[in-house]
Amino acid sequence: MEREFQEREKKCLVGHDSEDGIVIIMVLVAIAVVVAVICFLIYVSVYIILYGGGILGGFFSIRNYLISLKHNIWDSNFRKTALENAA
């Protein structure tokens, strides 16, 4: 009995021999992984919002430009004016 106590005392310098350190490390690693995943999801969602908005806004601006070009150039050149209708 005395020999077991001496071996245990040599094995652990802090007074006890337990697996608490492994559990604490596993919990800290799990928390770090959860925080990393949340940060990654926030980054990806901001990326999608910014670039998606830019692409969508760019598409609508080009579409509006082409509609206005058609209206100002194509339709006005082929539509009869009031003077042509009077003659």
PDB file of N, CA and C in Angstrom:
ATOM      1  N   MET A   1       0.817  -1.182   0.000  1.00  0.00           N
ATOM      2  CA  MET A   1       0.000   0.000   0.000  1.00  0.00           C
ATOM      3  C   MET A   1       0.868   1.256   0.000  1.00  0.00           C
ATOM      4  N   GLU A   2       1.902   1.222   0.831  1.00  0.00           N
ATOM      5  CA  GLU A   2       2.816   2.354   0.919  1.00  0.00           C
ATOM      6  C   GLU A   2       3.543   2.567  -0.401  1.00  0.00           C
ATOM      7  N   ARG A   3       3.856   1.480  -1.064  1.00  0.00           N
ATOM      8  CA  ARG A   3       4.576   1.579  -2.336  1.00  0.00           C
ATOM      9  C   ARG A   3       3.699   2.205  -3.427  1.00  0.00           C
ATOM     10  N   GLU A   4       2.416   1.844  -3.480  1.00  0.00           N
ATOM     11  CA  GLU A   4       1.490   2.442  -4.452  1.00  0.00           C
ATOM     12  C   GLU A   4       1.379   3.948  -4.232  1.00  0.00           C
ATOM     13  N   PHE A   5       1.299   4.343  -2.985  1.00  0.00           N
ATOM     14  CA  PHE A   5       1.187   5.769  -2.674  1.00  0.00           C
ATOM     15  C   PHE A   5       2.433   6.527  -3.128  1.00  0.00           C
ATOM     16  N   GLN A   6       3.610   5.919  -2.930  1.00  0.00           N
ATOM     17  CA  GLN A   6       4.851   6.563  -3.351  1.00  0.00           C
ATOM     18  C   GLN A   6       4.932   6.649  -4.871  1.00  0.00           C
ATOM     19  N   GLU A   7       4.482   5.603  -5.579  1.00  0.00           N
ATOM     20  CA  GLU A   7       4.488   5.643  -7.049  1.00  0.00           C
ATOM     21  C   GLU A   7       3.528   6.712  -7.556  1.00  0.00           C
ATOM     22  N   ARG A   8       2.369   6.801  -6.934  1.00  0.00           N
ATOM     23  CA  ARG A   8       1.381   7.801  -7.340  1.00  0.00           C
ATOM     24  C   ARG A   8       1.915   9.207  -7.067  1.00  0.00           C
ATOM     25  N   GLU A   9       2.626   9.369  -5.966  1.00  0.00           N
ATOM     26  CA  GLU A   9       3.195  10.663  -5.627  1.00  0.00           C
ATOM     27  C   GLU A   9       4.273  11.067  -6.622  1.00  0.00           C
ATOM     28  N   LYS A  10       5.065  10.121  -7.064  1.00  0.00           N
ATOM     29  CA  LYS A  10       6.094  10.405  -8.064  1.00  0.00           C
ATOM     30  C   LYS A  10       5.467  10.708  -9.419  1.00  0.00           C
ATOM     31  N   LYS A  11       4.376  10.040  -9.718  1.00  0.00           N
ATOM     32  CA  LYS A  11       3.740  10.180 -11.031  1.00  0.00           C
ATOM     33  C   LYS A  11       3.100  11.566 -11.193  1.00  0.00           C
ATOM     34  N   CYS A  12       2.488  12.062 -10.155  1.00  0.00           N
ATOM     35  CA  CYS A  12       1.760  13.330 -10.248  1.00  0.00           C
ATOM     36  C   CYS A  12       2.295  14.297  -9.207  1.00  0.00           C
ATOM     37  N   LEU A  13       2.810  15.413  -9.669  1.00  0.00           N
ATOM     38  CA  LEU A  13       3.444  16.364  -8.757  1.00  0.00           C
ATOM     39  C   LEU A  13       2.461  17.320  -8.100  1.00  0.00           C
ATOM     40  N   VAL A  14       1.215  17.410  -8.634  1.00  0.00           N
ATOM     41  CA  VAL A  14       0.259  18.366  -8.082  1.00  0.00           C
ATOM     42  C   VAL A  14      -0.618  17.758  -7.008  1.00  0.00           C
ATOM     43  N   GLY A  15      -0.466  16.503  -6.682  1.00  0.00           N
ATOM     44  CA  GLY A  15      -1.209  15.913  -5.584  1.00  0.00           C
ATOM     45  C   GLY A  15      -2.342  15.006  -6.002  1.00  0.00           C
ATOM     46  N   HIS A  16      -2.700  14.973  -7.267  1.00  0.00           N
ATOM     47  CA  HIS A  16      -3.752  14.048  -7.698  1.00  0.00           C
ATOM     48  C   HIS A  16      -3.457  13.595  -9.115  1.00  0.00           C
ATOM     49  N   ASP A  17      -4.019  12.476  -9.467  1.00  0.00           N
ATOM     50  CA  ASP A  17      -3.812  11.909 -10.795  1.00  0.00           C
ATOM     51  C   ASP A  17      -5.176  11.702 -11.430  1.00  0.00           C
ATOM     52  N   SER A  18      -5.560  12.575 -12.314  1.00  0.00           N
ATOM     53  CA  SER A  18      -6.889  12.468 -12.905  1.00  0.00           C
ATOM     54  C   SER A  18      -6.821  12.833 -14.384  1.00  0.00           C
ATOM     55  N   GLU A  19      -7.940  12.667 -15.030  1.00  0.00           N
ATOM     56  CA  GLU A  19      -8.055  12.953 -16.467  1.00  0.00           C
ATOM     57  C   GLU A  19      -8.760  14.287 -16.712  1.00  0.00           C
ATOM     58  N   ASP A  20      -8.818  15.151 -15.743  1.00  0.00           N
ATOM     59  CA  ASP A  20      -9.517  16.430 -15.894  1.00  0.00           C
ATOM     60  C   ASP A  20      -8.877  17.311 -16.961  1.00  0.00           C
ATOM     61  N   GLY A  21      -7.593  17.240 -17.104  1.00  0.00           N
ATOM     62  CA  GLY A  21      -6.900  18.073 -18.088  1.00  0.00           C
ATOM     63  C   GLY A  21      -7.330  17.759 -19.503  1.00  0.00           C
ATOM     64  N   ILE A  22      -7.545  16.500 -19.799  1.00  0.00           N
ATOM     65  CA  ILE A  22      -7.967  16.105 -21.148  1.00  0.00           C
ATOM     66  C   ILE A  22      -9.370  16.614 -21.428  1.00  0.00           C
ATOM     67  N   VAL A  23     -10.247  16.519 -20.447  1.00  0.00           N
ATOM     68  CA  VAL A  23     -11.623  16.994 -20.621  1.00  0.00           C
ATOM     69  C   VAL A  23     -11.635  18.505 -20.852  1.00  0.00           C
ATOM     70  N   ILE A  24     -10.845  19.233 -20.091  1.00  0.00           N
ATOM     71  CA  ILE A  24     -10.789  20.694 -20.246  1.00  0.00           C
ATOM     72  C   ILE A  24     -10.245  21.054 -21.627  1.00  0.00           C
ATOM     73  N   ILE A  25      -9.223  20.363 -22.086  1.00  0.00           N
ATOM     74  CA  ILE A  25      -8.659  20.629 -23.412  1.00  0.00           C
ATOM     75  C   ILE A  25      -9.681  20.315 -24.497  1.00  0.00           C
ATOM     76  N   MET A  26     -10.419  19.210 -24.341  1.00  0.00           N
ATOM     77  CA  MET A  26     -11.441  18.859 -25.341  1.00  0.00           C
ATOM     78  C   MET A  26     -12.540  19.918 -25.393  1.00  0.00           C
ATOM     79  N   VAL A  27     -12.950  20.441 -24.235  1.00  0.00           N
ATOM     80  CA  VAL A  27     -13.978  21.485 -24.194  1.00  0.00           C
ATOM     81  C   VAL A  27     -13.463  22.757 -24.859  1.00  0.00           C
ATOM     82  N   LEU A  28     -12.228  23.137 -24.573  1.00  0.00           N
ATOM     83  CA  LEU A  28     -11.657  24.340 -25.186  1.00  0.00           C
ATOM     84  C   LEU A  28     -11.519  24.198 -26.692  1.00  0.00           C
ATOM     85  N   VAL A  29     -11.119  23.017 -27.148  1.00  0.00           N
ATOM     86  CA  VAL A  29     -11.019  22.774 -28.591  1.00  0.00           C
ATOM     87  C   VAL A  29     -12.402  22.831 -29.236  1.00  0.00           C
ATOM     88  N   ALA A  30     -13.409  22.254 -28.580  1.00  0.00           N
ATOM     89  CA  ALA A  30     -14.773  22.298 -29.116  1.00  0.00           C
ATOM     90  C   ALA A  30     -15.276  23.737 -29.207  1.00  0.00           C
ATOM     91  N   ILE A  31     -15.018  24.543 -28.187  1.00  0.00           N
ATOM     92  CA  ILE A  31     -15.437  25.949 -28.211  1.00  0.00           C
ATOM     93  C   ILE A  31     -14.710  26.699 -29.329  1.00  0.00           C
ATOM     94  N   ALA A  32     -13.425  26.428 -29.499  1.00  0.00           N
ATOM     95  CA  ALA A  32     -12.660  27.086 -30.563  1.00  0.00           C
ATOM     96  C   ALA A  32     -13.198  26.712 -31.936  1.00  0.00           C
ATOM     97  N   VAL A  33     -13.570  25.450 -32.112  1.00  0.00           N
ATOM     98  CA  VAL A  33     -14.122  25.009 -33.404  1.00  0.00           C
ATOM     99  C   VAL A  33     -15.457  25.684 -33.663  1.00  0.00           C
ATOM    100  N   VAL A  34     -16.312  25.767 -32.658  1.00  0.00           N
ATOM    101  CA  VAL A  34     -17.622  26.413 -32.823  1.00  0.00           C
ATOM    102  C   VAL A  34     -17.447  27.885 -33.171  1.00  0.00           C
ATOM    103  N   VAL A  35     -16.544  28.567 -32.484  1.00  0.00           N
ATOM    104  CA  VAL A  35     -16.296  29.986 -32.769  1.00  0.00           C
ATOM    105  C   VAL A  35     -15.737  30.154 -34.185  1.00  0.00           C
ATOM    106  N   ALA A  36     -14.837  29.271 -34.596  1.00  0.00           N
ATOM    107  CA  ALA A  36     -14.272  29.354 -35.948  1.00  0.00           C
ATOM    108  C   ALA A  36     -15.346  29.136 -37.006  1.00  0.00           C
ATOM    109  N   VAL A  37     -16.247  28.183 -36.786  1.00  0.00           N
ATOM    110  CA  VAL A  37     -17.329  27.929 -37.757  1.00  0.00           C
ATOM    111  C   VAL A  37     -18.271  29.126 -37.824  1.00  0.00           C
ATOM    112  N   ILE A  38     -18.608  29.703 -36.685  1.00  0.00           N
ATOM    113  CA  ILE A  38     -19.495  30.874 -36.683  1.00  0.00           C
ATOM    114  C   ILE A  38     -18.837  32.046 -37.413  1.00  0.00           C
ATOM    115  N   CYS A  39     -17.563  32.289 -37.169  1.00  0.00           N
ATOM    116  CA  CYS A  39     -16.850  33.367 -37.869  1.00  0.00           C
ATOM    117  C   CYS A  39     -16.805  33.109 -39.368  1.00  0.00           C
ATOM    118  N   PHE A  40     -16.577  31.870 -39.759  1.00  0.00           N
ATOM    119  CA  PHE A  40     -16.551  31.533 -41.180  1.00  0.00           C
ATOM    120  C   PHE A  40     -17.918  31.757 -41.823  1.00  0.00           C
ATOM    121  N   LEU A  41     -18.990  31.379 -41.142  1.00  0.00           N
ATOM    122  CA  LEU A  41     -20.337  31.586 -41.686  1.00  0.00           C
ATOM    123  C   LEU A  41     -20.666  33.065 -41.806  1.00  0.00           C
ATOM    124  N   ILE A  42     -20.247  33.859 -40.842  1.00  0.00           N
ATOM    125  CA  ILE A  42     -20.463  35.312 -40.931  1.00  0.00           C
ATOM    126  C   ILE A  42     -19.685  35.882 -42.109  1.00  0.00           C
ATOM    127  N   TYR A  43     -18.443  35.457 -42.273  1.00  0.00           N
ATOM    128  CA  TYR A  43     -17.615  35.926 -43.392  1.00  0.00           C
ATOM    129  C   TYR A  43     -18.250  35.564 -44.729  1.00  0.00           C
ATOM    130  N   VAL A  44     -18.704  34.328 -44.862  1.00  0.00           N
ATOM    131  CA  VAL A  44     -19.304  33.888 -46.126  1.00  0.00           C
ATOM    132  C   VAL A  44     -20.601  34.639 -46.403  1.00  0.00           C
ATOM    133  N   SER A  45     -21.426  34.857 -45.376  1.00  0.00           N
ATOM    134  CA  SER A  45     -22.684  35.565 -45.609  1.00  0.00           C
ATOM    135  C   SER A  45     -22.438  37.024 -46.003  1.00  0.00           C
ATOM    136  N   VAL A  46     -21.466  37.680 -45.387  1.00  0.00           N
ATOM    137  CA  VAL A  46     -21.133  39.057 -45.775  1.00  0.00           C
ATOM    138  C   VAL A  46     -20.593  39.087 -47.200  1.00  0.00           C
ATOM    139  N   TYR A  47     -19.771  38.122 -47.545  1.00  0.00           N
ATOM    140  CA  TYR A  47     -19.224  38.014 -48.903  1.00  0.00           C
ATOM    141  C   TYR A  47     -20.350  37.849 -49.923  1.00  0.00           C
ATOM    142  N   ILE A  48     -21.303  36.976 -49.627  1.00  0.00           N
ATOM    143  CA  ILE A  48     -22.429  36.751 -50.549  1.00  0.00           C
ATOM    144  C   ILE A  48     -23.281  38.006 -50.661  1.00  0.00           C
ATOM    145  N   ILE A  49     -23.526  38.680 -49.538  1.00  0.00           N
ATOM    146  CA  ILE A  49     -24.353  39.892 -49.574  1.00  0.00           C
ATOM    147  C   ILE A  49     -23.673  40.976 -50.405  1.00  0.00           C
ATOM    148  N   LEU A  50     -22.378  41.209 -50.173  1.00  0.00           N
ATOM    149  CA  LEU A  50     -21.687  42.286 -50.885  1.00  0.00           C
ATOM    150  C   LEU A  50     -21.561  41.992 -52.372  1.00  0.00           C
ATOM    151  N   TYR A  51     -21.031  40.836 -52.714  1.00  0.00           N
ATOM    152  CA  TYR A  51     -20.815  40.541 -54.119  1.00  0.00           C
ATOM    153  C   TYR A  51     -22.115  40.212 -54.842  1.00  0.00           C
ATOM    154  N   GLY A  52     -23.039  39.572 -54.160  1.00  0.00           N
ATOM    155  CA  GLY A  52     -24.346  39.317 -54.765  1.00  0.00           C
ATOM    156  C   GLY A  52     -25.077  40.612 -55.058  1.00  0.00           C
ATOM    157  N   GLY A  53     -25.018  41.548 -54.116  1.00  0.00           N
ATOM    158  CA  GLY A  53     -25.646  42.856 -54.343  1.00  0.00           C
ATOM    159  C   GLY A  53     -24.981  43.603 -55.475  1.00  0.00           C
ATOM    160  N   GLY A  54     -23.668  43.509 -55.553  1.00  0.00           N
ATOM    161  CA  GLY A  54     -22.956  44.165 -56.654  1.00  0.00           C
ATOM    162  C   GLY A  54     -23.311  43.574 -58.001  1.00  0.00           C
ATOM    163  N   ILE A  55     -23.388  42.254 -58.060  1.00  0.00           N
ATOM    164  CA  ILE A  55     -23.747  41.590 -59.319  1.00  0.00           C
ATOM    165  C   ILE A  55     -25.192  41.901 -59.691  1.00  0.00           C
ATOM    166  N   LEU A  56     -26.095  41.823 -58.711  1.00  0.00           N
ATOM    167  CA  LEU A  56     -27.501  42.110 -58.982  1.00  0.00           C
ATOM    168  C   LEU A  56     -27.686  43.575 -59.373  1.00  0.00           C
ATOM    169  N   GLY A  57     -27.051  44.485 -58.643  1.00  0.00           N
ATOM    170  CA  GLY A  57     -27.151  45.903 -58.971  1.00  0.00           C
ATOM    171  C   GLY A  57     -26.539  46.215 -60.329  1.00  0.00           C
ATOM    172  N   GLY A  58     -25.416  45.561 -60.631  1.00  0.00           N
ATOM    173  CA  GLY A  58     -24.789  45.740 -61.945  1.00  0.00           C
ATOM    174  C   GLY A  58     -25.690  45.243 -63.066  1.00  0.00           C
ATOM    175  N   PHE A  59     -26.348  44.110 -62.834  1.00  0.00           N
ATOM    176  CA  PHE A  59     -27.265  43.579 -63.843  1.00  0.00           C
ATOM    177  C   PHE A  59     -28.404  44.553 -64.102  1.00  0.00           C
ATOM    178  N   PHE A  60     -29.011  45.077 -63.039  1.00  0.00           N
ATOM    179  CA  PHE A  60     -30.135  45.996 -63.227  1.00  0.00           C
ATOM    180  C   PHE A  60     -29.690  47.321 -63.835  1.00  0.00           C
ATOM    181  N   SER A  61     -28.487  47.792 -63.513  1.00  0.00           N
ATOM    182  CA  SER A  61     -28.035  49.044 -64.109  1.00  0.00           C
ATOM    183  C   SER A  61     -27.781  48.862 -65.605  1.00  0.00           C
ATOM    184  N   ILE A  62     -27.198  47.737 -65.994  1.00  0.00           N
ATOM    185  CA  ILE A  62     -26.987  47.469 -67.426  1.00  0.00           C
ATOM    186  C   ILE A  62     -28.323  47.303 -68.138  1.00  0.00           C
ATOM    187  N   ARG A  63     -29.273  46.599 -67.493  1.00  0.00           N
ATOM    188  CA  ARG A  63     -30.597  46.427 -68.102  1.00  0.00           C
ATOM    189  C   ARG A  63     -31.286  47.773 -68.293  1.00  0.00           C
ATOM    190  N   ASN A  64     -31.233  48.633 -67.271  1.00  0.00           N
ATOM    191  CA  ASN A  64     -31.867  49.952 -67.393  1.00  0.00           C
ATOM    192  C   ASN A  64     -31.179  50.802 -68.456  1.00  0.00           C
ATOM    193  N   TYR A  65     -29.860  50.688 -68.555  1.00  0.00           N
ATOM    194  CA  TYR A  65     -29.137  51.420 -69.587  1.00  0.00           C
ATOM    195  C   TYR A  65     -29.586  50.966 -70.971  1.00  0.00           C
ATOM    196  N   LEU A  66     -29.725  49.666 -71.183  1.00  0.00           N
ATOM    197  CA  LEU A  66     -30.137  49.167 -72.499  1.00  0.00           C
ATOM    198  C   LEU A  66     -31.574  49.546 -72.812  1.00  0.00           C
ATOM    199  N   ILE A  67     -32.455  49.530 -71.817  1.00  0.00           N
ATOM    200  CA  ILE A  67     -33.847  49.948 -72.051  1.00  0.00           C
ATOM    201  C   ILE A  67     -33.885  51.424 -72.419  1.00  0.00           C
ATOM    202  N   SER A  68     -33.111  52.242 -71.711  1.00  0.00           N
ATOM    203  CA  SER A  68     -33.091  53.662 -72.021  1.00  0.00           C
ATOM    204  C   SER A  68     -32.466  53.921 -73.385  1.00  0.00           C
ATOM    205  N   LEU A  69     -31.431  53.168 -73.740  1.00  0.00           N
ATOM    206  CA  LEU A  69     -30.816  53.299 -75.064  1.00  0.00           C
ATOM    207  C   LEU A  69     -31.824  52.954 -76.156  1.00  0.00           C
ATOM    208  N   LYS A  70     -32.563  51.870 -75.945  1.00  0.00           N
ATOM    209  CA  LYS A  70     -33.588  51.487 -76.928  1.00  0.00           C
ATOM    210  C   LYS A  70     -34.643  52.579 -77.043  1.00  0.00           C
ATOM    211  N   HIS A  71     -35.077  53.110 -75.923  1.00  0.00           N
ATOM    212  CA  HIS A  71     -36.117  54.128 -75.951  1.00  0.00           C
ATOM    213  C   HIS A  71     -35.616  55.423 -76.616  1.00  0.00           C
ATOM    214  N   ASN A  72     -34.413  55.840 -76.289  1.00  0.00           N
ATOM    215  CA  ASN A  72     -33.914  57.120 -76.790  1.00  0.00           C
ATOM    216  C   ASN A  72     -33.416  57.043 -78.223  1.00  0.00           C
ATOM    217  N   ILE A  73     -32.870  55.929 -78.640  1.00  0.00           N
ATOM    218  CA  ILE A  73     -32.269  55.852 -79.967  1.00  0.00           C
ATOM    219  C   ILE A  73     -33.193  55.123 -80.939  1.00  0.00           C
ATOM    220  N   TRP A  74     -33.528  53.930 -80.604  1.00  0.00           N
ATOM    221  CA  TRP A  74     -34.269  53.096 -81.558  1.00  0.00           C
ATOM    222  C   TRP A  74     -35.702  53.594 -81.721  1.00  0.00           C
ATOM    223  N   ASP A  75     -36.442  53.721 -80.621  1.00  0.00           N
ATOM    224  CA  ASP A  75     -37.852  54.111 -80.706  1.00  0.00           C
ATOM    225  C   ASP A  75     -38.019  55.536 -81.220  1.00  0.00           C
ATOM    226  N   SER A  76     -37.167  56.465 -80.826  1.00  0.00           N
ATOM    227  CA  SER A  76     -37.345  57.851 -81.259  1.00  0.00           C
ATOM    228  C   SER A  76     -36.997  58.016 -82.737  1.00  0.00           C
ATOM    229  N   ASN A  77     -36.174  57.181 -83.313  1.00  0.00           N
ATOM    230  CA  ASN A  77     -35.831  57.301 -84.724  1.00  0.00           C
ATOM    231  C   ASN A  77     -36.863  56.637 -85.628  1.00  0.00           C
ATOM    232  N   PHE A  78     -37.618  55.712 -85.101  1.00  0.00           N
ATOM    233  CA  PHE A  78     -38.600  55.026 -85.948  1.00  0.00           C
ATOM    234  C   PHE A  78     -40.031  55.407 -85.632  1.00  0.00           C
ATOM    235  N   ARG A  79     -40.244  56.230 -84.626  1.00  0.00           N
ATOM    236  CA  ARG A  79     -41.584  56.678 -84.302  1.00  0.00           C
ATOM    237  C   ARG A  79     -41.861  57.950 -85.092  1.00  0.00           C
ATOM    238  N   LYS A  80     -43.054  58.057 -85.644  1.00  0.00           N
ATOM    239  CA  LYS A  80     -43.401  59.250 -86.412  1.00  0.00           C
ATOM    240  C   LYS A  80     -43.617  60.422 -85.474  1.00  0.00           C
ATOM    241  N   THR A  81     -43.139  61.567 -85.892  1.00  0.00           N
ATOM    242  CA  THR A  81     -43.322  62.775 -85.080  1.00  0.00           C
ATOM    243  C   THR A  81     -44.669  63.395 -85.404  1.00  0.00           C
ATOM    244  N   ALA A  82     -45.021  64.440 -84.670  1.00  0.00           N
ATOM    245  CA  ALA A  82     -46.296  65.116 -84.869  1.00  0.00           C
ATOM    246  C   ALA A  82     -46.342  65.791 -86.248  1.00  0.00           C
ATOM    247  N   LEU A  83     -45.206  66.307 -86.740  1.00  0.00           N
ATOM    248  CA  LEU A  83     -45.181  66.960 -88.055  1.00  0.00           C
ATOM    249  C   LEU A  83     -45.408  65.956 -89.166  1.00  0.00           C
ATOM    250  N   GLU A  84     -44.857  64.750 -89.031  1.00  0.00           N
ATOM    251  CA  GLU A  84     -45.046  63.731 -90.066  1.00  0.00           C
ATOM    252  C   GLU A  84     -46.487  63.240 -90.067  1.00  0.00           C
ATOM    253  N   ASN A  85     -47.140  63.213 -88.920  1.00  0.00           N
ATOM    254  CA  ASN A  85     -48.528  62.774 -88.849  1.00  0.00           C
ATOM    255  C   ASN A  85     -49.457  63.820 -89.440  1.00  0.00           C
ATOM    256  N   ALA A  86     -49.109  65.111 -89.352  1.00  0.00           N
ATOM    257  CA  ALA A  86     -49.966  66.187 -89.863  1.00  0.00           C
ATOM    258  C   ALA A  86     -49.936  66.242 -91.365  1.00  0.00           C
ATOM    259  N   ALA A  87     -48.867  65.809 -91.990  1.00  0.00           N
ATOM    260  CA  ALA A  87     -48.756  65.947 -93.439  1.00  0.00           C
ATOM    261  C   ALA A  87     -49.480  64.909 -94.194  1.00  0.00           C
TER     262      ALA A  87
END
